[in-house]
Amino acid sequence: MAEDQEWRPDPASRIYVYVQIAEHIADQIRAGSLPVGARLASEPDLAAHYGVGINTLRRAIRELRERGIADTVPAKGTYVIAMPESSTGG
C-alpha cells in the first residue's frame, strides 16, 4: 500500500467519492495487495488515510459489501471475502 499513500479521491469528479474509494479498494484486491481473507484497516484509520469523513468511508464499505467483495463482522472488522469482477463500468 506504500505507493497508494498519496492516492486521494477527487471531490471534483462526477463519480461519488465513496464510489471512488470502493473502487480503489477493489483495485487493491485485484492487484493482490488485499487478498481474500485480509482484514481492512479500521474505519477511522481508512477515513484518515483517504482524507474523508467517517460516514463517507462507511458508505464505501457498504458499497463493497453490496458488491459481495467484503463483509463486516461486528466488533471484529471488515474482511475481503471475494475477488471483484473487472472494473468495466459502474
Protein backbone atom coordinates (compact mmCIF):
# COMPACT_ATOMS: atom_id res chain seq x y z
CA MET A 1 0.00 0.00 0.00
CA ALA A 2 3.09 2.18 0.07
CA GLU A 3 2.60 3.63 -3.40
CA ASP A 4 -1.09 4.24 -2.61
CA GLN A 5 -0.39 6.51 0.37
CA GLU A 6 -0.72 9.57 -1.83
CA TRP A 7 -3.94 8.48 -3.57
CA ARG A 8 -6.96 10.55 -2.64
CA PRO A 9 -10.46 10.62 -4.08
CA ASP A 10 -11.17 13.53 -6.40
CA PRO A 11 -14.04 15.60 -4.96
CA ALA A 12 -14.40 17.40 -8.31
CA SER A 13 -15.07 14.13 -10.14
CA ARG A 14 -18.53 13.28 -11.40
CA ILE A 15 -18.13 9.95 -9.58
CA TYR A 16 -19.20 9.97 -5.94
CA VAL A 17 -16.27 9.98 -3.50
CA TYR A 18 -17.49 6.80 -1.79
CA VAL A 19 -17.58 5.00 -5.15
CA GLN A 20 -14.03 6.17 -5.91
CA ILE A 21 -12.86 4.77 -2.56
CA ALA A 22 -14.69 1.48 -3.03
CA GLU A 23 -13.19 1.11 -6.49
CA HIS A 24 -9.71 1.93 -5.18
CA ILE A 25 -10.03 -0.79 -2.54
CA ALA A 26 -11.37 -3.20 -5.19
CA ASP A 27 -8.34 -2.37 -7.34
CA GLN A 28 -6.05 -3.23 -4.40
CA ILE A 29 -7.82 -6.58 -4.08
CA ARG A 30 -7.45 -7.26 -7.82
CA ALA A 31 -3.75 -6.37 -7.59
CA GLY A 32 -3.21 -8.78 -4.70
CA SER A 33 -2.38 -6.11 -2.12
CA LEU A 34 -5.51 -7.18 -0.21
CA PRO A 35 -6.02 -10.92 -0.69
CA VAL A 36 -9.25 -12.75 0.07
CA GLY A 37 -9.37 -13.19 3.84
CA ALA A 38 -7.48 -9.98 4.56
CA ARG A 39 -8.84 -7.61 7.17
CA LEU A 40 -9.22 -3.98 6.12
CA ALA A 41 -7.91 -1.25 8.39
CA SER A 42 -10.37 0.20 10.88
CA GLU A 43 -12.97 2.66 9.61
CA PRO A 44 -11.34 5.64 11.40
CA ASP A 45 -7.93 4.68 10.02
CA LEU A 46 -9.28 4.31 6.48
CA ALA A 47 -11.19 7.60 6.73
CA ALA A 48 -7.98 9.36 7.79
CA HIS A 49 -5.99 7.57 5.06
CA TYR A 50 -8.39 8.72 2.33
CA GLY A 51 -8.96 12.17 3.88
CA VAL A 52 -12.73 11.73 4.15
CA GLY A 53 -15.34 11.72 6.88
CA ILE A 54 -16.32 8.52 8.64
CA ASN A 55 -19.77 8.47 7.00
CA THR A 56 -18.26 8.64 3.52
CA LEU A 57 -15.92 5.80 4.39
CA ARG A 58 -18.77 3.73 5.83
CA ARG A 59 -20.72 4.26 2.59
CA ALA A 60 -17.69 2.98 0.64
CA ILE A 61 -17.54 -0.13 2.85
CA ARG A 62 -21.28 -0.65 2.35
CA GLU A 63 -20.67 -0.42 -1.42
CA LEU A 64 -18.06 -3.20 -1.14
CA ARG A 65 -20.50 -5.34 0.86
CA GLU A 66 -23.25 -4.76 -1.72
CA ARG A 67 -20.84 -5.87 -4.45
CA GLY A 68 -20.14 -9.06 -2.48
CA ILE A 69 -16.46 -8.20 -2.11
CA ALA A 70 -16.29 -7.59 1.64
CA ASP A 71 -18.18 -8.49 4.79
CA THR A 72 -18.19 -6.79 8.16
CA VAL A 73 -18.18 -8.82 11.35
CA PRO A 74 -19.38 -6.70 14.30
CA ALA A 75 -16.59 -5.93 16.77
CA LYS A 76 -14.10 -7.78 14.54
CA GLY A 77 -13.68 -5.74 11.38
CA THR A 78 -14.26 -5.83 7.64
CA TYR A 79 -12.77 -8.67 5.62
CA VAL A 80 -12.23 -9.31 1.93
CA ILE A 81 -14.46 -12.25 1.01
CA ALA A 82 -14.25 -12.36 -2.80
CA MET A 83 -12.24 -11.20 -5.77
CA PRO A 84 -14.03 -8.30 -7.50
CA GLU A 85 -15.02 -8.56 -11.11
CA SER A 86 -13.09 -6.50 -13.61
CA SER A 87 -13.91 -2.81 -13.49
CA THR A 88 -15.68 -2.44 -16.80
CA GLY A 89 -18.28 0.06 -15.70
CA GLY A 90 -20.34 1.20 -12.76
